[in-house]
């Protein structure tokens, strides 16, 4: 009986959370296109999300391309298909690995940071102070951050893909001698419209939901200072899960057009 009650409570809490998140999402779309626009705060958040994430994303992308190439090479050599290595690595990185790994990194770094920051602002009553001062805290805090993550994470994906391909080029030249011109030619010959555009569209959704979940968890935080850590942790978990769900849906949709 207790187990049944626990299950009912869990389902009720889940649907309640989904309802609150949906209401939060509707409020965002109602305010995102309505002036005044907080361009200064948007620029600040874009700098934090984009520029300050470059080192971590770049290092991860470089290692990703390097390791993937080293791991694939022996198998292709066994089949006499070593010349396919640049094309296979490029397709793997640009279609799938680059967007997903970059989004997961941003879910951990950016999502947790947004959740903790907004939760701290709520605990210290900064959000209430904004309302008293006549500032719309939702537009100033939430809208700017969600728009920033939506626009910056696709750019980070492009940067990560480029650095990953440079890592792959280095790995190819460990045991071979391939010029950069030949490597780039093989990479671009293997790519077409349906490889690049869907990955960038997918990255837009990754960025949007990472920002949305981080802001939602922070804005609805409770239980004082304990809620700050809980909001940051919950933002990472939920955002990472949504990255995989969106990726699965995007793969199914893309397969319909190929």
C-alpha atoms as a PDB file:
ATOM      1  CA  UNK A   1       0.000   0.000   0.000  1.00  0.00           C
ATOM      2  CA  UNK A   2       2.819   2.400   0.889  1.00  0.00           C
ATOM      3  CA  UNK A   3       4.552   1.573  -2.384  1.00  0.00           C
ATOM      4  CA  UNK A   4       1.374   2.375  -4.320  1.00  0.00           C
ATOM      5  CA  UNK A   5       1.029   5.686  -2.503  1.00  0.00           C
ATOM      6  CA  UNK A   6       4.659   6.501  -3.238  1.00  0.00           C
ATOM      7  CA  UNK A   7       4.113   5.784  -6.937  1.00  0.00           C
ATOM      8  CA  UNK A   8       1.020   7.986  -7.030  1.00  0.00           C
ATOM      9  CA  UNK A   9       2.897  10.826  -5.319  1.00  0.00           C
ATOM     10  CA  UNK A  10       5.816  10.451  -7.746  1.00  0.00           C
ATOM     11  CA  UNK A  11       3.506  10.641 -10.773  1.00  0.00           C
ATOM     12  CA  UNK A  12       1.661  13.607  -9.290  1.00  0.00           C
ATOM     13  CA  UNK A  13       4.922  15.451  -8.637  1.00  0.00           C
ATOM     14  CA  UNK A  14       6.139  14.651 -12.147  1.00  0.00           C
ATOM     15  CA  UNK A  15       3.031  16.010 -13.865  1.00  0.00           C
ATOM     16  CA  UNK A  16       3.007  19.011 -11.559  1.00  0.00           C
ATOM     17  CA  UNK A  17       6.613  19.735 -12.528  1.00  0.00           C
ATOM     18  CA  UNK A  18       5.780  19.378 -16.226  1.00  0.00           C
ATOM     19  CA  UNK A  19       2.843  21.762 -15.805  1.00  0.00           C
ATOM     20  CA  UNK A  20       4.991  24.360 -14.046  1.00  0.00           C
ATOM     21  CA  UNK A  21       7.716  24.061 -16.685  1.00  0.00           C
ATOM     22  CA  UNK A  22       5.141  24.480 -19.461  1.00  0.00           C
ATOM     23  CA  UNK A  23       3.768  27.602 -17.753  1.00  0.00           C
ATOM     24  CA  UNK A  24       7.349  28.906 -17.433  1.00  0.00           C
ATOM     25  CA  UNK A  25       7.929  28.235 -21.140  1.00  0.00           C
ATOM     26  CA  UNK A  26       4.728  30.032 -22.169  1.00  0.00           C
ATOM     27  CA  UNK A  27       5.721  33.028 -20.032  1.00  0.00           C
ATOM     28  CA  UNK A  28       9.099  33.120 -21.802  1.00  0.00           C
ATOM     29  CA  UNK A  29       7.535  33.210 -25.272  1.00  0.00           C
ATOM     30  CA  UNK A  30       5.123  35.924 -24.151  1.00  0.00           C
ATOM     31  CA  UNK A  31       7.974  38.182 -23.036  1.00  0.00           C
ATOM     32  CA  UNK A  32      10.843  37.404 -25.395  1.00  0.00           C
ATOM     33  CA  UNK A  33       9.480  39.502 -28.287  1.00  0.00           C
ATOM     34  CA  UNK A  34       8.012  42.322 -26.185  1.00  0.00           C
ATOM     35  CA  UNK A  35      10.150  45.446 -25.575  1.00  0.00           C
ATOM     36  CA  UNK A  36      12.076  46.707 -23.741  1.00  0.00           C
ATOM     37  CA  UNK A  37      14.977  44.429 -24.658  1.00  0.00           C
ATOM     38  CA  UNK A  38      17.850  43.926 -22.236  1.00  0.00           C
ATOM     39  CA  UNK A  39      20.678  44.028 -24.792  1.00  0.00           C
ATOM     40  CA  UNK A  40      23.427  44.751 -22.253  1.00  0.00           C
ATOM     41  CA  UNK A  41      22.525  41.779 -20.083  1.00  0.00           C
ATOM     42  CA  UNK A  42      22.139  39.600 -23.174  1.00  0.00           C
ATOM     43  CA  UNK A  43      25.636  40.580 -24.345  1.00  0.00           C
ATOM     44  CA  UNK A  44      27.038  39.829 -20.882  1.00  0.00           C
ATOM     45  CA  UNK A  45      25.412  36.396 -20.764  1.00  0.00           C
ATOM     46  CA  UNK A  46      26.555  35.629 -24.315  1.00  0.00           C
ATOM     47  CA  UNK A  47      30.114  36.431 -23.256  1.00  0.00           C
ATOM     48  CA  UNK A  48      29.814  34.147 -20.214  1.00  0.00           C
ATOM     49  CA  UNK A  49      28.167  31.275 -22.092  1.00  0.00           C
ATOM     50  CA  UNK A  50      30.220  31.552 -25.275  1.00  0.00           C
ATOM     51  CA  UNK A  51      33.653  33.030 -24.721  1.00  0.00           C
ATOM     52  CA  UNK A  52      34.267  31.599 -21.259  1.00  0.00           C
ATOM     53  CA  UNK A  53      33.328  28.105 -22.456  1.00  0.00           C
ATOM     54  CA  UNK A  54      35.789  28.135 -25.378  1.00  0.00           C
ATOM     55  CA  UNK A  55      38.803  26.622 -23.532  1.00  0.00           C
ATOM     56  CA  UNK A  56      36.871  23.664 -22.126  1.00  0.00           C
ATOM     57  CA  UNK A  57      34.991  23.041 -25.385  1.00  0.00           C
ATOM     58  CA  UNK A  58      38.175  23.397 -27.434  1.00  0.00           C
ATOM     59  CA  UNK A  59      40.232  20.996 -25.324  1.00  0.00           C
ATOM     60  CA  UNK A  60      37.416  18.441 -25.284  1.00  0.00           C
ATOM     61  CA  UNK A  61      36.897  18.736 -29.046  1.00  0.00           C
ATOM     62  CA  UNK A  62      40.605  18.317 -29.787  1.00  0.00           C
ATOM     63  CA  UNK A  63      40.897  15.209 -27.625  1.00  0.00           C
ATOM     64  CA  UNK A  64      37.660  13.845 -29.075  1.00  0.00           C
ATOM     65  CA  UNK A  65      38.928  14.124 -32.669  1.00  0.00           C
ATOM     66  CA  UNK A  66      42.355  12.772 -31.759  1.00  0.00           C
ATOM     67  CA  UNK A  67      41.089   9.735 -29.858  1.00  0.00           C
ATOM     68  CA  UNK A  68      38.334   8.890 -32.353  1.00  0.00           C
ATOM     69  CA  UNK A  69      40.834   8.868 -35.220  1.00  0.00           C
ATOM     70  CA  UNK A  70      43.339   6.733 -33.304  1.00  0.00           C
ATOM     71  CA  UNK A  71      40.616   4.243 -32.371  1.00  0.00           C
ATOM     72  CA  UNK A  72      39.146   3.986 -35.881  1.00  0.00           C
ATOM     73  CA  UNK A  73      42.426   3.659 -37.785  1.00  0.00           C
ATOM     74  CA  UNK A  74      43.333   0.023 -36.908  1.00  0.00           C
ATOM     75  CA  UNK A  75      39.887  -1.253 -37.968  1.00  0.00           C
ATOM     76  CA  UNK A  76      39.998   0.606 -41.297  1.00  0.00           C
ATOM     77  CA  UNK A  77      43.542  -0.615 -41.927  1.00  0.00           C
ATOM     78  CA  UNK A  78      42.354  -4.208 -41.476  1.00  0.00           C
ATOM     79  CA  UNK A  79      39.771  -3.671 -44.230  1.00  0.00           C
ATOM     80  CA  UNK A  80      42.141  -1.734 -46.462  1.00  0.00           C
ATOM     81  CA  UNK A  81      40.043   1.415 -46.116  1.00  0.00           C
ATOM     82  CA  UNK A  82      42.464   3.746 -44.365  1.00  0.00           C
ATOM     83  CA  UNK A  83      41.776   6.447 -46.959  1.00  0.00           C
ATOM     84  CA  UNK A  84      38.223   6.691 -45.632  1.00  0.00           C
ATOM     85  CA  UNK A  85      39.421   7.784 -42.199  1.00  0.00           C
ATOM     86  CA  UNK A  86      39.026  11.594 -42.605  1.00  0.00           C
ATOM     87  CA  UNK A  87      35.537  11.183 -44.087  1.00  0.00           C
ATOM     88  CA  UNK A  88      34.352   8.795 -41.358  1.00  0.00           C
ATOM     89  CA  UNK A  89      35.696  10.970 -38.555  1.00  0.00           C
ATOM     90  CA  UNK A  90      34.169  14.116 -40.082  1.00  0.00           C
ATOM     91  CA  UNK A  91      30.743  12.509 -40.443  1.00  0.00           C
ATOM     92  CA  UNK A  92      30.846  11.104 -36.911  1.00  0.00           C
ATOM     93  CA  UNK A  93      31.887  14.395 -35.340  1.00  0.00           C
ATOM     94  CA  UNK A  94      29.651  16.768 -37.297  1.00  0.00           C
ATOM     95  CA  UNK A  95      26.528  14.611 -37.324  1.00  0.00           C
ATOM     96  CA  UNK A  96      26.522  13.313 -33.784  1.00  0.00           C
ATOM     97  CA  UNK A  97      29.514  13.433 -31.467  1.00  0.00           C
ATOM     98  CA  UNK A  98      30.331  17.142 -31.722  1.00  0.00           C
ATOM     99  CA  UNK A  99      26.846  18.538 -30.959  1.00  0.00           C
ATOM    100  CA  UNK A 100      26.049  16.007 -28.226  1.00  0.00           C
ATOM    101  CA  UNK A 101      29.375  16.199 -26.354  1.00  0.00           C
ATOM    102  CA  UNK A 102      29.416  20.008 -26.558  1.00  0.00           C
ATOM    103  CA  UNK A 103      25.825  20.169 -25.304  1.00  0.00           C
ATOM    104  CA  UNK A 104      26.622  17.850 -22.388  1.00  0.00           C
ATOM    105  CA  UNK A 105      29.611  19.994 -21.449  1.00  0.00           C
ATOM    106  CA  UNK A 106      27.416  23.104 -21.559  1.00  0.00           C
ATOM    107  CA  UNK A 107      24.691  21.344 -19.565  1.00  0.00           C
ATOM    108  CA  UNK A 108      27.254  20.732 -16.837  1.00  0.00           C
ATOM    109  CA  UNK A 109      29.038  24.069 -16.953  1.00  0.00           C
ATOM    110  CA  UNK A 110      26.424  26.556 -18.161  1.00  0.00           C
ATOM    111  CA  UNK A 111      23.244  24.867 -16.911  1.00  0.00           C
ATOM    112  CA  UNK A 112      24.530  24.383 -13.382  1.00  0.00           C
ATOM    113  CA  UNK A 113      25.954  27.897 -13.316  1.00  0.00           C
ATOM    114  CA  UNK A 114      22.656  29.471 -14.384  1.00  0.00           C
ATOM    115  CA  UNK A 115      20.666  27.356 -11.918  1.00  0.00           C
ATOM    116  CA  UNK A 116      22.956  28.171  -8.991  1.00  0.00           C
ATOM    117  CA  UNK A 117      23.194  31.879  -9.878  1.00  0.00           C
ATOM    118  CA  UNK A 118      19.445  32.452 -10.157  1.00  0.00           C
ATOM    119  CA  UNK A 119      18.740  30.348  -7.058  1.00  0.00           C
ATOM    120  CA  UNK A 120      21.273  32.480  -5.136  1.00  0.00           C
ATOM    121  CA  UNK A 121      19.573  35.641  -6.387  1.00  0.00           C
ATOM    122  CA  UNK A 122      16.257  34.312  -5.138  1.00  0.00           C
ATOM    123  CA  UNK A 123      17.659  33.342  -1.729  1.00  0.00           C
ATOM    124  CA  UNK A 124      19.267  36.761  -1.251  1.00  0.00           C
ATOM    125  CA  UNK A 125      16.007  38.446  -2.394  1.00  0.00           C
ATOM    126  CA  UNK A 126      17.652  40.182  -5.356  1.00  0.00           C
ATOM    127  CA  UNK A 127      14.711  39.175  -7.558  1.00  0.00           C
ATOM    128  CA  UNK A 128      12.275  40.815  -5.120  1.00  0.00           C
ATOM    129  CA  UNK A 129      14.459  43.933  -5.104  1.00  0.00           C
ATOM    130  CA  UNK A 130      14.248  44.125  -8.904  1.00  0.00           C
ATOM    131  CA  UNK A 131      10.455  44.004  -8.776  1.00  0.00           C
ATOM    132  CA  UNK A 132      10.409  46.796  -6.199  1.00  0.00           C
ATOM    133  CA  UNK A 133      12.749  48.851  -8.434  1.00  0.00           C
ATOM    134  CA  UNK A 134      10.372  48.537 -11.364  1.00  0.00           C
ATOM    135  CA  UNK A 135      12.553  46.066 -13.317  1.00  0.00           C
ATOM    136  CA  UNK A 136      10.966  42.989 -14.857  1.00  0.00           C
ATOM    137  CA  UNK A 137      13.132  40.245 -13.292  1.00  0.00           C
ATOM    138  CA  UNK A 138      11.848  37.522 -15.617  1.00  0.00           C
ATOM    139  CA  UNK A 139      12.836  39.454 -18.738  1.00  0.00           C
ATOM    140  CA  UNK A 140      16.139  40.657 -17.256  1.00  0.00           C
ATOM    141  CA  UNK A 141      17.233  37.319 -15.775  1.00  0.00           C
ATOM    142  CA  UNK A 142      15.463  34.505 -17.629  1.00  0.00           C
ATOM    143  CA  UNK A 143      14.878  35.773 -21.170  1.00  0.00           C
ATOM    144  CA  UNK A 144      18.424  37.042 -21.652  1.00  0.00           C
ATOM    145  CA  UNK A 145      19.995  33.782 -20.453  1.00  0.00           C
ATOM    146  CA  UNK A 146      17.795  31.498 -22.534  1.00  0.00           C
ATOM    147  CA  UNK A 147      18.371  33.555 -25.694  1.00  0.00           C
ATOM    148  CA  UNK A 148      22.114  33.626 -24.988  1.00  0.00           C
ATOM    149  CA  UNK A 149      22.390  29.843 -24.606  1.00  0.00           C
ATOM    150  CA  UNK A 150      20.187  29.284 -27.681  1.00  0.00           C
ATOM    151  CA  UNK A 151      22.500  31.359 -29.867  1.00  0.00           C
ATOM    152  CA  UNK A 152      25.892  30.616 -28.319  1.00  0.00           C
ATOM    153  CA  UNK A 153      25.808  26.814 -28.054  1.00  0.00           C
ATOM    154  CA  UNK A 154      25.478  26.300 -31.859  1.00  0.00           C
ATOM    155  CA  UNK A 155      28.543  28.541 -32.252  1.00  0.00           C
ATOM    156  CA  UNK A 156      30.361  26.460 -29.658  1.00  0.00           C
ATOM    157  CA  UNK A 157      29.400  23.326 -31.608  1.00  0.00           C
ATOM    158  CA  UNK A 158      30.927  24.792 -34.791  1.00  0.00           C
ATOM    159  CA  UNK A 159      34.090  25.692 -32.881  1.00  0.00           C
ATOM    160  CA  UNK A 160      34.242  22.223 -31.291  1.00  0.00           C
ATOM    161  CA  UNK A 161      33.788  20.523 -34.675  1.00  0.00           C
ATOM    162  CA  UNK A 162      36.620  22.554 -36.183  1.00  0.00           C
ATOM    163  CA  UNK A 163      39.010  21.835 -33.302  1.00  0.00           C
ATOM    164  CA  UNK A 164      38.031  18.140 -33.355  1.00  0.00           C
ATOM    165  CA  UNK A 165      38.914  17.946 -37.053  1.00  0.00           C
ATOM    166  CA  UNK A 166      42.274  19.549 -36.320  1.00  0.00           C
ATOM    167  CA  UNK A 167      42.852  16.886 -33.674  1.00  0.00           C
ATOM    168  CA  UNK A 168      41.888  14.257 -36.235  1.00  0.00           C
ATOM    169  CA  UNK A 169      44.348  15.725 -38.750  1.00  0.00           C
ATOM    170  CA  UNK A 170      47.129  15.473 -36.180  1.00  0.00           C
ATOM    171  CA  UNK A 171      46.195  11.853 -35.392  1.00  0.00           C
ATOM    172  CA  UNK A 172      46.121  10.932 -39.096  1.00  0.00           C
ATOM    173  CA  UNK A 173      49.645  12.277 -39.486  1.00  0.00           C
ATOM    174  CA  UNK A 174      51.025  10.263 -36.577  1.00  0.00           C
ATOM    175  CA  UNK A 175      51.403   7.194 -38.817  1.00  0.00           C
ATOM    176  CA  UNK A 176      50.746   8.709 -42.245  1.00  0.00           C
ATOM    177  CA  UNK A 177      51.706  11.778 -44.203  1.00  0.00           C
ATOM    178  CA  UNK A 178      48.567  13.597 -45.299  1.00  0.00           C
ATOM    179  CA  UNK A 179      48.627  17.252 -46.296  1.00  0.00           C
ATOM    180  CA  UNK A 180      46.120  19.639 -44.770  1.00  0.00           C
ATOM    181  CA  UNK A 181      44.742  20.356 -48.254  1.00  0.00           C
ATOM    182  CA  UNK A 182      44.062  16.674 -48.953  1.00  0.00           C
ATOM    183  CA  UNK A 183      42.571  16.182 -45.491  1.00  0.00           C
ATOM    184  CA  UNK A 184      40.170  19.126 -45.864  1.00  0.00           C
ATOM    185  CA  UNK A 185      39.212  17.995 -49.385  1.00  0.00           C
ATOM    186  CA  UNK A 186      38.351  14.505 -48.135  1.00  0.00           C
ATOM    187  CA  UNK A 187      36.357  15.953 -45.249  1.00  0.00           C
ATOM    188  CA  UNK A 188      34.245  18.284 -47.387  1.00  0.00           C
ATOM    189  CA  UNK A 189      33.739  15.700 -50.130  1.00  0.00           C
ATOM    190  CA  UNK A 190      32.078  13.450 -47.537  1.00  0.00           C
ATOM    191  CA  UNK A 191      29.674  16.112 -46.228  1.00  0.00           C
ATOM    192  CA  UNK A 192      26.423  17.398 -47.661  1.00  0.00           C
ATOM    193  CA  UNK A 193      23.544  19.640 -46.638  1.00  0.00           C
ATOM    194  CA  UNK A 194      21.788  16.986 -44.544  1.00  0.00           C
ATOM    195  CA  UNK A 195      24.894  16.450 -42.445  1.00  0.00           C
ATOM    196  CA  UNK A 196      25.560  20.031 -41.393  1.00  0.00           C
ATOM    197  CA  UNK A 197      22.189  21.806 -41.145  1.00  0.00           C
ATOM    198  CA  UNK A 198      20.369  19.227 -38.963  1.00  0.00           C
ATOM    199  CA  UNK A 199      23.266  19.199 -36.493  1.00  0.00           C
ATOM    200  CA  UNK A 200      23.088  23.000 -36.137  1.00  0.00           C
ATOM    201  CA  UNK A 201      19.301  22.932 -35.751  1.00  0.00           C
ATOM    202  CA  UNK A 202      19.731  20.243 -33.122  1.00  0.00           C
ATOM    203  CA  UNK A 203      22.320  22.423 -31.364  1.00  0.00           C
ATOM    204  CA  UNK A 204      19.803  25.306 -31.262  1.00  0.00           C
ATOM    205  CA  UNK A 205      17.348  23.090 -29.395  1.00  0.00           C
ATOM    206  CA  UNK A 206      20.115  21.870 -27.091  1.00  0.00           C
ATOM    207  CA  UNK A 207      20.997  25.456 -26.216  1.00  0.00           C
ATOM    208  CA  UNK A 208      17.388  26.495 -25.733  1.00  0.00           C
ATOM    209  CA  UNK A 209      16.542  23.680 -23.343  1.00  0.00           C
ATOM    210  CA  UNK A 210      19.800  23.951 -21.395  1.00  0.00           C
ATOM    211  CA  UNK A 211      19.029  27.616 -20.748  1.00  0.00           C
ATOM    212  CA  UNK A 212      15.352  26.925 -20.065  1.00  0.00           C
ATOM    213  CA  UNK A 213      16.006  24.175 -17.515  1.00  0.00           C
ATOM    214  CA  UNK A 214      18.787  26.139 -15.776  1.00  0.00           C
ATOM    215  CA  UNK A 215      16.581  29.224 -15.453  1.00  0.00           C
ATOM    216  CA  UNK A 216      13.514  27.233 -14.404  1.00  0.00           C
ATOM    217  CA  UNK A 217      15.331  25.308 -11.691  1.00  0.00           C
ATOM    218  CA  UNK A 218      16.918  28.462 -10.336  1.00  0.00           C
ATOM    219  CA  UNK A 219      13.799  30.631 -10.571  1.00  0.00           C
ATOM    220  CA  UNK A 220      11.639  28.066  -8.757  1.00  0.00           C
ATOM    221  CA  UNK A 221      14.254  27.208  -6.144  1.00  0.00           C
ATOM    222  CA  UNK A 222      13.165  26.874  -2.514  1.00  0.00           C
ATOM    223  CA  UNK A 223      14.503  25.733   0.896  1.00  0.00           C
ATOM    224  CA  UNK A 224      16.972  28.589   1.237  1.00  0.00           C
ATOM    225  CA  UNK A 225      20.683  27.956   0.703  1.00  0.00           C
ATOM    226  CA  UNK A 226      20.138  24.209   0.430  1.00  0.00           C
ATOM    227  CA  UNK A 227      18.030  24.857  -2.626  1.00  0.00           C
ATOM    228  CA  UNK A 228      20.963  26.481  -4.452  1.00  0.00           C
ATOM    229  CA  UNK A 229      22.928  23.242  -4.663  1.00  0.00           C
ATOM    230  CA  UNK A 230      19.791  21.242  -5.387  1.00  0.00           C
ATOM    231  CA  UNK A 231      18.860  23.594  -8.240  1.00  0.00           C
ATOM    232  CA  UNK A 232      22.325  23.366  -9.812  1.00  0.00           C
ATOM    233  CA  UNK A 233      22.387  19.577  -9.571  1.00  0.00           C
ATOM    234  CA  UNK A 234      18.842  19.186 -10.872  1.00  0.00           C
ATOM    235  CA  UNK A 235      19.552  21.541 -13.785  1.00  0.00           C
ATOM    236  CA  UNK A 236      22.503  19.402 -14.912  1.00  0.00           C
ATOM    237  CA  UNK A 237      20.606  16.112 -14.627  1.00  0.00           C
ATOM    238  CA  UNK A 238      17.442  17.255 -16.414  1.00  0.00           C
ATOM    239  CA  UNK A 239      19.297  19.215 -19.119  1.00  0.00           C
ATOM    240  CA  UNK A 240      21.597  16.261 -19.864  1.00  0.00           C
ATOM    241  CA  UNK A 241      18.614  13.922 -20.102  1.00  0.00           C
ATOM    242  CA  UNK A 242      16.845  16.305 -22.477  1.00  0.00           C
ATOM    243  CA  UNK A 243      19.961  16.475 -24.665  1.00  0.00           C
ATOM    244  CA  UNK A 244      19.753  12.715 -25.230  1.00  0.00           C
ATOM    245  CA  UNK A 245      15.989  12.811 -25.799  1.00  0.00           C
ATOM    246  CA  UNK A 246      16.258  15.650 -28.331  1.00  0.00           C
ATOM    247  CA  UNK A 247      19.133  13.862 -30.054  1.00  0.00           C
ATOM    248  CA  UNK A 248      17.068  10.682 -30.351  1.00  0.00           C
ATOM    249  CA  UNK A 249      14.100  12.580 -31.816  1.00  0.00           C
ATOM    250  CA  UNK A 250      16.376  14.500 -34.215  1.00  0.00           C
ATOM    251  CA  UNK A 251      17.979  11.260 -35.433  1.00  0.00           C
ATOM    252  CA  UNK A 252      14.552   9.806 -36.213  1.00  0.00           C
ATOM    253  CA  UNK A 253      13.424  12.934 -38.055  1.00  0.00           C
ATOM    254  CA  UNK A 254      16.680  13.200 -40.033  1.00  0.00           C
ATOM    255  CA  UNK A 255      16.445   9.543 -41.080  1.00  0.00           C
ATOM    256  CA  UNK A 256      13.116  10.298 -42.768  1.00  0.00           C
ATOM    257  CA  UNK A 257      14.819  12.697 -45.196  1.00  0.00           C
ATOM    258  CA  UNK A 258      17.869  10.585 -46.037  1.00  0.00           C
END
